[in-house]
All heavy atoms as atom14 arrays in JSON, in Angstrom:
{
  "sequence": "TRPALSLQERLNKFTEDARAAAKDLPAGAERHALLQKVR",
  "atom14_mask": [
    [1, 1, 1, 1, 1, 1, 1, 0, 0, 0, 0, 0, 0, 0],
    [1, 1, 1, 1, 1, 1, 1, 1, 1, 1, 1, 0, 0, 0],
    [1, 1, 1, 1, 1, 1, 1, 0, 0, 0, 0, 0, 0, 0],
    [1, 1, 1, 1, 1, 0, 0, 0, 0, 0, 0, 0, 0, 0],
    [1, 1, 1, 1, 1, 1, 1, 1, 0, 0, 0, 0, 0, 0],
    [1, 1, 1, 1, 1, 1, 0, 0, 0, 0, 0, 0, 0, 0],
    [1, 1, 1, 1, 1, 1, 1, 1, 0, 0, 0, 0, 0, 0],
    [1, 1, 1, 1, 1, 1, 1, 1, 1, 0, 0, 0, 0, 0],
    [1, 1, 1, 1, 1, 1, 1, 1, 1, 0, 0, 0, 0, 0],
    [1, 1, 1, 1, 1, 1, 1, 1, 1, 1, 1, 0, 0, 0],
    [1, 1, 1, 1, 1, 1, 1, 1, 0, 0, 0, 0, 0, 0],
    [1, 1, 1, 1, 1, 1, 1, 1, 0, 0, 0, 0, 0, 0],
    [1, 1, 1, 1, 1, 1, 1, 1, 1, 0, 0, 0, 0, 0],
    [1, 1, 1, 1, 1, 1, 1, 1, 1, 1, 1, 0, 0, 0],
    [1, 1, 1, 1, 1, 1, 1, 0, 0, 0, 0, 0, 0, 0],
    [1, 1, 1, 1, 1, 1, 1, 1, 1, 0, 0, 0, 0, 0],
    [1, 1, 1, 1, 1, 1, 1, 1, 0, 0, 0, 0, 0, 0],
    [1, 1, 1, 1, 1, 0, 0, 0, 0, 0, 0, 0, 0, 0],
    [1, 1, 1, 1, 1, 1, 1, 1, 1, 1, 1, 0, 0, 0],
    [1, 1, 1, 1, 1, 0, 0, 0, 0, 0, 0, 0, 0, 0],
    [1, 1, 1, 1, 1, 0, 0, 0, 0, 0, 0, 0, 0, 0],
    [1, 1, 1, 1, 1, 0, 0, 0, 0, 0, 0, 0, 0, 0],
    [1, 1, 1, 1, 1, 1, 1, 1, 1, 0, 0, 0, 0, 0],
    [1, 1, 1, 1, 1, 1, 1, 1, 0, 0, 0, 0, 0, 0],
    [1, 1, 1, 1, 1, 1, 1, 1, 0, 0, 0, 0, 0, 0],
    [1, 1, 1, 1, 1, 1, 1, 0, 0, 0, 0, 0, 0, 0],
    [1, 1, 1, 1, 1, 0, 0, 0, 0, 0, 0, 0, 0, 0],
    [1, 1, 1, 1, 0, 0, 0, 0, 0, 0, 0, 0, 0, 0],
    [1, 1, 1, 1, 1, 0, 0, 0, 0, 0, 0, 0, 0, 0],
    [1, 1, 1, 1, 1, 1, 1, 1, 1, 0, 0, 0, 0, 0],
    [1, 1, 1, 1, 1, 1, 1, 1, 1, 1, 1, 0, 0, 0],
    [1, 1, 1, 1, 1, 1, 1, 1, 1, 1, 0, 0, 0, 0],
    [1, 1, 1, 1, 1, 0, 0, 0, 0, 0, 0, 0, 0, 0],
    [1, 1, 1, 1, 1, 1, 1, 1, 0, 0, 0, 0, 0, 0],
    [1, 1, 1, 1, 1, 1, 1, 1, 0, 0, 0, 0, 0, 0],
    [1, 1, 1, 1, 1, 1, 1, 1, 1, 0, 0, 0, 0, 0],
    [1, 1, 1, 1, 1, 1, 1, 1, 1, 0, 0, 0, 0, 0],
    [1, 1, 1, 1, 1, 1, 1, 0, 0, 0, 0, 0, 0, 0],
    [1, 1, 1, 1, 1, 1, 1, 1, 1, 1, 1, 0, 0, 0]
  ],
  "atom14_positions": [
    [[0.84, -1.19, 0.0], [0.0, 0.0, 0.0], [0.88, 1.24, 0.0], [1.99, 1.25, 0.53], [-0.92, 0.04, 1.23], [-0.11, 0.03, 2.4], [-1.86, -1.14, 1.24], [0.0, 0.0, 0.0], [0.0, 0.0, 0.0], [0.0, 0.0, 0.0], [0.0, 0.0, 0.0], [0.0, 0.0, 0.0], [0.0, 0.0, 0.0], [0.0, 0.0, 0.0]],
    [[0.38, 2.29, -0.6], [1.11, 3.55, -0.64], [0.71, 4.41, 0.55], [-0.44, 4.37, 0.99], [0.81, 4.29, -1.92], [1.42, 3.62, -3.12], [1.24, 4.52, -4.33], [1.94, 3.94, -5.46], [3.02, 4.48, -5.99], [3.51, 5.59, -5.52], [3.6, 3.9, -7.0], [0.0, 0.0, 0.0], [0.0, 0.0, 0.0], [0.0, 0.0, 0.0]],
    [[1.64, 5.22, 1.04], [1.29, 6.15, 2.12], [0.24, 7.15, 1.65], [0.2, 7.51, 0.47], [2.6, 6.86, 2.43], [3.67, 6.03, 1.81], [3.05, 5.27, 0.69], [0.0, 0.0, 0.0], [0.0, 0.0, 0.0], [0.0, 0.0, 0.0], [0.0, 0.0, 0.0], [0.0, 0.0, 0.0], [0.0, 0.0, 0.0], [0.0, 0.0, 0.0]],
    [[-0.61, 7.58, 2.57], [-1.67, 8.52, 2.23], [-1.11, 9.89, 1.86], [-1.67, 10.59, 1.01], [-2.65, 8.65, 3.39], [0.0, 0.0, 0.0], [0.0, 0.0, 0.0], [0.0, 0.0, 0.0], [0.0, 0.0, 0.0], [0.0, 0.0, 0.0], [0.0, 0.0, 0.0], [0.0, 0.0, 0.0], [0.0, 0.0, 0.0], [0.0, 0.0, 0.0]],
    [[0.0, 10.27, 2.48], [0.6, 11.58, 2.23], [1.92, 11.42, 1.49], [2.59, 10.39, 1.59], [0.86, 12.31, 3.55], [-0.35, 12.56, 4.43], [0.1, 13.14, 5.77], [-1.32, 13.49, 3.76], [0.0, 0.0, 0.0], [0.0, 0.0, 0.0], [0.0, 0.0, 0.0], [0.0, 0.0, 0.0], [0.0, 0.0, 0.0], [0.0, 0.0, 0.0]],
    [[2.33, 12.45, 0.77], [3.61, 12.41, 0.06], [4.75, 12.52, 1.08], [4.55, 12.88, 2.24], [3.7, 13.57, -0.94], [3.82, 14.79, -0.26], [0.0, 0.0, 0.0], [0.0, 0.0, 0.0], [0.0, 0.0, 0.0], [0.0, 0.0, 0.0], [0.0, 0.0, 0.0], [0.0, 0.0, 0.0], [0.0, 0.0, 0.0], [0.0, 0.0, 0.0]],
    [[5.95, 12.23, 0.62], [7.12, 12.31, 1.49], [7.27, 13.72, 2.05], [7.52, 13.9, 3.24], [8.38, 11.91, 0.73], [9.7, 12.09, 1.47], [9.74, 11.18, 2.69], [10.86, 11.81, 0.56], [0.0, 0.0, 0.0], [0.0, 0.0, 0.0], [0.0, 0.0, 0.0], [0.0, 0.0, 0.0], [0.0, 0.0, 0.0], [0.0, 0.0, 0.0]],
    [[7.11, 14.71, 1.21], [7.26, 16.1, 1.65], [6.22, 16.45, 2.71], [6.55, 17.08, 3.71], [7.14, 17.04, 0.45], [7.5, 18.45, 0.76], [7.57, 19.31, -0.49], [7.3, 18.83, -1.59], [7.93, 20.54, -0.33], [0.0, 0.0, 0.0], [0.0, 0.0, 0.0], [0.0, 0.0, 0.0], [0.0, 0.0, 0.0], [0.0, 0.0, 0.0]],
    [[4.99, 16.01, 2.51], [3.93, 16.29, 3.5], [4.21, 15.57, 4.82], [4.0, 16.15, 5.89], [2.58, 15.86, 2.95], [2.09, 16.71, 1.8], [0.87, 16.13, 1.12], [0.68, 14.9, 1.13], [0.09, 16.94, 0.57], [0.0, 0.0, 0.0], [0.0, 0.0, 0.0], [0.0, 0.0, 0.0], [0.0, 0.0, 0.0], [0.0, 0.0, 0.0]],
    [[4.69, 14.33, 4.75], [5.0, 13.59, 5.98], [6.16, 14.23, 6.73], [6.13, 14.33, 7.96], [5.33, 12.14, 5.65], [4.09, 11.33, 5.29], [4.43, 9.89, 4.99], [5.01, 9.85, 3.65], [5.87, 8.94, 3.22], [6.27, 7.98, 4.01], [6.32, 8.98, 1.99], [0.0, 0.0, 0.0], [0.0, 0.0, 0.0], [0.0, 0.0, 0.0]],
    [[7.19, 14.68, 6.0], [8.32, 15.33, 6.66], [7.91, 16.67, 7.27], [8.35, 17.01, 8.37], [9.47, 15.52, 5.68], [10.24, 14.25, 5.29], [11.19, 14.53, 4.15], [10.97, 13.68, 6.48], [0.0, 0.0, 0.0], [0.0, 0.0, 0.0], [0.0, 0.0, 0.0], [0.0, 0.0, 0.0], [0.0, 0.0, 0.0], [0.0, 0.0, 0.0]],
    [[7.07, 17.42, 6.57], [6.59, 18.69, 7.13], [5.78, 18.47, 8.39], [5.92, 19.21, 9.37], [5.77, 19.46, 6.09], [6.64, 20.11, 5.04], [7.79, 20.45, 5.28], [6.09, 20.28, 3.85], [0.0, 0.0, 0.0], [0.0, 0.0, 0.0], [0.0, 0.0, 0.0], [0.0, 0.0, 0.0], [0.0, 0.0, 0.0], [0.0, 0.0, 0.0]],
    [[4.93, 17.45, 8.39], [4.14, 17.14, 9.59], [5.05, 16.74, 10.75], [4.86, 17.15, 11.88], [3.13, 16.04, 9.3], [2.24, 15.72, 10.49], [1.18, 14.73, 10.13], [0.28, 14.33, 11.25], [0.56, 14.75, 12.58], [0.0, 0.0, 0.0], [0.0, 0.0, 0.0], [0.0, 0.0, 0.0], [0.0, 0.0, 0.0], [0.0, 0.0, 0.0]],
    [[6.08, 15.93, 10.43], [7.02, 15.53, 11.47], [7.72, 16.74, 12.07], [7.85, 16.84, 13.29], [8.06, 14.56, 10.91], [9.2, 14.32, 11.85], [9.04, 13.51, 12.95], [10.42, 14.95, 11.66], [10.09, 13.32, 13.84], [11.47, 14.77, 12.55], [11.3, 13.95, 13.64], [0.0, 0.0, 0.0], [0.0, 0.0, 0.0], [0.0, 0.0, 0.0]],
    [[8.16, 17.68, 11.22], [8.88, 18.84, 11.75], [7.97, 19.7, 12.62], [8.41, 20.2, 13.66], [9.48, 19.7, 10.61], [8.45, 20.12, 9.73], [10.54, 18.93, 9.85], [0.0, 0.0, 0.0], [0.0, 0.0, 0.0], [0.0, 0.0, 0.0], [0.0, 0.0, 0.0], [0.0, 0.0, 0.0], [0.0, 0.0, 0.0], [0.0, 0.0, 0.0]],
    [[6.72, 19.87, 12.21], [5.78, 20.64, 13.03], [5.56, 19.98, 14.39], [5.6, 20.64, 15.43], [4.44, 20.79, 12.32], [4.48, 21.68, 11.1], [3.2, 21.63, 10.31], [2.22, 20.99, 10.75], [3.16, 22.23, 9.22], [0.0, 0.0, 0.0], [0.0, 0.0, 0.0], [0.0, 0.0, 0.0], [0.0, 0.0, 0.0], [0.0, 0.0, 0.0]],
    [[5.32, 18.67, 14.38], [5.07, 17.94, 15.62], [6.31, 17.92, 16.52], [6.21, 18.08, 17.74], [4.65, 16.5, 15.32], [3.3, 16.43, 14.62], [2.57, 17.44, 14.62], [2.99, 15.36, 14.05], [0.0, 0.0, 0.0], [0.0, 0.0, 0.0], [0.0, 0.0, 0.0], [0.0, 0.0, 0.0], [0.0, 0.0, 0.0], [0.0, 0.0, 0.0]],
    [[7.48, 17.75, 15.91], [8.71, 17.68, 16.7], [9.06, 19.04, 17.3], [9.52, 19.11, 18.44], [9.87, 17.17, 15.83], [0.0, 0.0, 0.0], [0.0, 0.0, 0.0], [0.0, 0.0, 0.0], [0.0, 0.0, 0.0], [0.0, 0.0, 0.0], [0.0, 0.0, 0.0], [0.0, 0.0, 0.0], [0.0, 0.0, 0.0], [0.0, 0.0, 0.0]],
    [[8.84, 20.11, 16.55], [9.09, 21.45, 17.11], [8.16, 21.73, 18.29], [8.58, 22.3, 19.3], [8.89, 22.51, 16.05], [10.06, 22.67, 15.14], [9.94, 23.95, 14.34], [10.9, 24.0, 13.27], [12.18, 24.3, 13.42], [12.65, 24.57, 14.6], [12.99, 24.32, 12.39], [0.0, 0.0, 0.0], [0.0, 0.0, 0.0], [0.0, 0.0, 0.0]],
    [[6.9, 21.31, 18.17], [5.95, 21.51, 19.27], [6.38, 20.7, 20.5], [6.3, 21.17, 21.63], [4.55, 21.11, 18.83], [0.0, 0.0, 0.0], [0.0, 0.0, 0.0], [0.0, 0.0, 0.0], [0.0, 0.0, 0.0], [0.0, 0.0, 0.0], [0.0, 0.0, 0.0], [0.0, 0.0, 0.0], [0.0, 0.0, 0.0], [0.0, 0.0, 0.0]],
    [[6.86, 19.48, 20.27], [7.32, 18.65, 21.38], [8.59, 19.23, 22.01], [8.76, 19.16, 23.23], [7.58, 17.23, 20.9], [0.0, 0.0, 0.0], [0.0, 0.0, 0.0], [0.0, 0.0, 0.0], [0.0, 0.0, 0.0], [0.0, 0.0, 0.0], [0.0, 0.0, 0.0], [0.0, 0.0, 0.0], [0.0, 0.0, 0.0], [0.0, 0.0, 0.0]],
    [[9.46, 19.8, 21.2], [10.71, 20.37, 21.71], [10.45, 21.59, 22.58], [11.21, 21.87, 23.51], [11.64, 20.72, 20.56], [0.0, 0.0, 0.0], [0.0, 0.0, 0.0], [0.0, 0.0, 0.0], [0.0, 0.0, 0.0], [0.0, 0.0, 0.0], [0.0, 0.0, 0.0], [0.0, 0.0, 0.0], [0.0, 0.0, 0.0], [0.0, 0.0, 0.0]],
    [[9.39, 22.33, 22.28], [9.06, 23.5, 23.1], [8.75, 23.1, 24.55], [9.01, 23.86, 25.47], [7.85, 24.24, 22.52], [8.18, 25.13, 21.38], [6.96, 25.94, 20.97], [7.32, 26.91, 19.89], [6.18, 27.74, 19.48], [0.0, 0.0, 0.0], [0.0, 0.0, 0.0], [0.0, 0.0, 0.0], [0.0, 0.0, 0.0], [0.0, 0.0, 0.0]],
    [[8.17, 21.92, 24.71], [7.78, 21.46, 26.04], [8.94, 20.86, 26.83], [8.83, 20.67, 28.04], [6.66, 20.42, 25.93], [5.38, 21.02, 25.34], [5.2, 22.25, 25.44], [4.58, 20.25, 24.77], [0.0, 0.0, 0.0], [0.0, 0.0, 0.0], [0.0, 0.0, 0.0], [0.0, 0.0, 0.0], [0.0, 0.0, 0.0], [0.0, 0.0, 0.0]],
    [[10.03, 20.54, 26.14], [11.18, 19.91, 26.81], [12.1, 20.97, 27.39], [12.28, 22.04, 26.81], [11.96, 19.05, 25.82], [11.29, 17.79, 25.31], [12.16, 17.14, 24.25], [11.04, 16.82, 26.44], [0.0, 0.0, 0.0], [0.0, 0.0, 0.0], [0.0, 0.0, 0.0], [0.0, 0.0, 0.0], [0.0, 0.0, 0.0], [0.0, 0.0, 0.0]],
    [[12.71, 20.67, 28.53], [13.73, 21.59, 29.07], [15.0, 21.48, 28.22], [15.21, 20.5, 27.52], [13.97, 21.06, 30.49], [13.61, 19.61, 30.42], [12.5, 19.51, 29.4], [0.0, 0.0, 0.0], [0.0, 0.0, 0.0], [0.0, 0.0, 0.0], [0.0, 0.0, 0.0], [0.0, 0.0, 0.0], [0.0, 0.0, 0.0], [0.0, 0.0, 0.0]],
    [[15.81, 22.51, 28.29], [17.07, 22.5, 27.54], [17.91, 21.3, 27.99], [18.0, 21.01, 29.17], [17.84, 23.79, 27.77], [0.0, 0.0, 0.0], [0.0, 0.0, 0.0], [0.0, 0.0, 0.0], [0.0, 0.0, 0.0], [0.0, 0.0, 0.0], [0.0, 0.0, 0.0], [0.0, 0.0, 0.0], [0.0, 0.0, 0.0], [0.0, 0.0, 0.0]],
    [[18.46, 20.61, 27.02], [19.27, 19.44, 27.36], [19.51, 18.58, 26.13], [19.19, 18.95, 25.0], [0.0, 0.0, 0.0], [0.0, 0.0, 0.0], [0.0, 0.0, 0.0], [0.0, 0.0, 0.0], [0.0, 0.0, 0.0], [0.0, 0.0, 0.0], [0.0, 0.0, 0.0], [0.0, 0.0, 0.0], [0.0, 0.0, 0.0], [0.0, 0.0, 0.0]],
    [[20.06, 17.41, 26.37], [20.45, 16.52, 25.29], [19.24, 16.01, 24.5], [19.3, 15.9, 23.27], [21.24, 15.34, 25.84], [0.0, 0.0, 0.0], [0.0, 0.0, 0.0], [0.0, 0.0, 0.0], [0.0, 0.0, 0.0], [0.0, 0.0, 0.0], [0.0, 0.0, 0.0], [0.0, 0.0, 0.0], [0.0, 0.0, 0.0], [0.0, 0.0, 0.0]],
    [[18.16, 15.7, 25.19], [16.99, 15.16, 24.5], [16.38, 16.21, 23.56], [16.04, 15.91, 22.41], [15.94, 14.72, 25.52], [14.75, 14.0, 24.92], [13.78, 13.51, 25.96], [14.05, 13.63, 27.17], [12.71, 13.02, 25.55], [0.0, 0.0, 0.0], [0.0, 0.0, 0.0], [0.0, 0.0, 0.0], [0.0, 0.0, 0.0], [0.0, 0.0, 0.0]],
    [[16.28, 17.45, 24.03], [15.74, 18.52, 23.2], [16.67, 18.8, 22.02], [16.23, 19.0, 20.89], [15.57, 19.78, 24.04], [14.99, 20.93, 23.25], [14.76, 22.12, 24.13], [14.11, 23.17, 23.38], [14.24, 24.45, 23.64], [14.97, 24.84, 24.67], [13.63, 25.34, 22.92], [0.0, 0.0, 0.0], [0.0, 0.0, 0.0], [0.0, 0.0, 0.0]],
    [[17.98, 18.81, 22.28], [18.95, 19.04, 21.22], [18.84, 17.96, 20.14], [18.89, 18.26, 18.94], [20.36, 19.08, 21.8], [21.42, 19.27, 20.78], [21.63, 20.47, 20.13], [22.33, 18.4, 20.26], [22.62, 20.33, 19.27], [23.06, 19.08, 19.33], [0.0, 0.0, 0.0], [0.0, 0.0, 0.0], [0.0, 0.0, 0.0], [0.0, 0.0, 0.0]],
    [[18.7, 16.7, 20.55], [18.59, 15.6, 19.59], [17.31, 15.73, 18.76], [17.32, 15.48, 17.54], [18.61, 14.27, 20.32], [0.0, 0.0, 0.0], [0.0, 0.0, 0.0], [0.0, 0.0, 0.0], [0.0, 0.0, 0.0], [0.0, 0.0, 0.0], [0.0, 0.0, 0.0], [0.0, 0.0, 0.0], [0.0, 0.0, 0.0], [0.0, 0.0, 0.0]],
    [[16.23, 16.14, 19.39], [14.97, 16.31, 18.67], [15.07, 17.45, 17.65], [14.62, 17.33, 16.51], [13.83, 16.56, 19.66], [12.42, 16.58, 19.1], [12.09, 15.28, 18.38], [11.42, 16.82, 20.21], [0.0, 0.0, 0.0], [0.0, 0.0, 0.0], [0.0, 0.0, 0.0], [0.0, 0.0, 0.0], [0.0, 0.0, 0.0], [0.0, 0.0, 0.0]],
    [[15.69, 18.55, 18.05], [15.85, 19.67, 17.13], [16.81, 19.32, 15.98], [16.66, 19.81, 14.87], [16.33, 20.92, 17.88], [15.29, 21.53, 18.8], [15.9, 22.67, 19.6], [14.07, 22.01, 18.02], [0.0, 0.0, 0.0], [0.0, 0.0, 0.0], [0.0, 0.0, 0.0], [0.0, 0.0, 0.0], [0.0, 0.0, 0.0], [0.0, 0.0, 0.0]],
    [[17.78, 18.45, 16.24], [18.68, 17.99, 15.18], [17.9, 17.16, 14.17], [18.1, 17.28, 12.96], [19.84, 17.16, 15.76], [20.82, 16.7, 14.72], [21.52, 17.83, 13.99], [21.94, 18.8, 14.62], [21.6, 17.75, 12.69], [0.0, 0.0, 0.0], [0.0, 0.0, 0.0], [0.0, 0.0, 0.0], [0.0, 0.0, 0.0], [0.0, 0.0, 0.0]],
    [[16.97, 16.33, 14.63], [16.12, 15.55, 13.72], [15.25, 16.48, 12.88], [15.0, 16.2, 11.7], [15.25, 14.58, 14.51], [16.01, 13.41, 15.08], [15.09, 12.47, 15.82], [15.86, 11.34, 16.44], [14.98, 10.39, 17.14], [0.0, 0.0, 0.0], [0.0, 0.0, 0.0], [0.0, 0.0, 0.0], [0.0, 0.0, 0.0], [0.0, 0.0, 0.0]],
    [[14.79, 17.57, 13.48], [13.99, 18.54, 12.74], [14.84, 19.16, 11.63], [14.39, 19.27, 10.48], [13.44, 19.64, 13.68], [12.87, 20.8, 12.89], [12.39, 19.06, 14.61], [0.0, 0.0, 0.0], [0.0, 0.0, 0.0], [0.0, 0.0, 0.0], [0.0, 0.0, 0.0], [0.0, 0.0, 0.0], [0.0, 0.0, 0.0], [0.0, 0.0, 0.0]],
    [[16.07, 19.55, 11.94], [16.94, 20.13, 10.92], [17.23, 19.13, 9.8], [17.26, 19.48, 8.61], [18.24, 20.63, 11.55], [18.04, 21.9, 12.36], [19.35, 22.5, 12.8], [20.05, 21.7, 13.79], [19.83, 21.76, 15.12], [18.93, 22.6, 15.59], [20.51, 21.0, 15.95], [0.0, 0.0, 0.0], [0.0, 0.0, 0.0], [0.0, 0.0, 0.0]]
  ]
}
């Protein structure tokens, strides 16, 4: 089966969700790693 969304749409959704999750995290290694995945 094919994904419902295109690769670009899935990556954009991931970056939005990950940025929102990173805002809730305190500064540290976990937040840094999440922001690196966003980049």
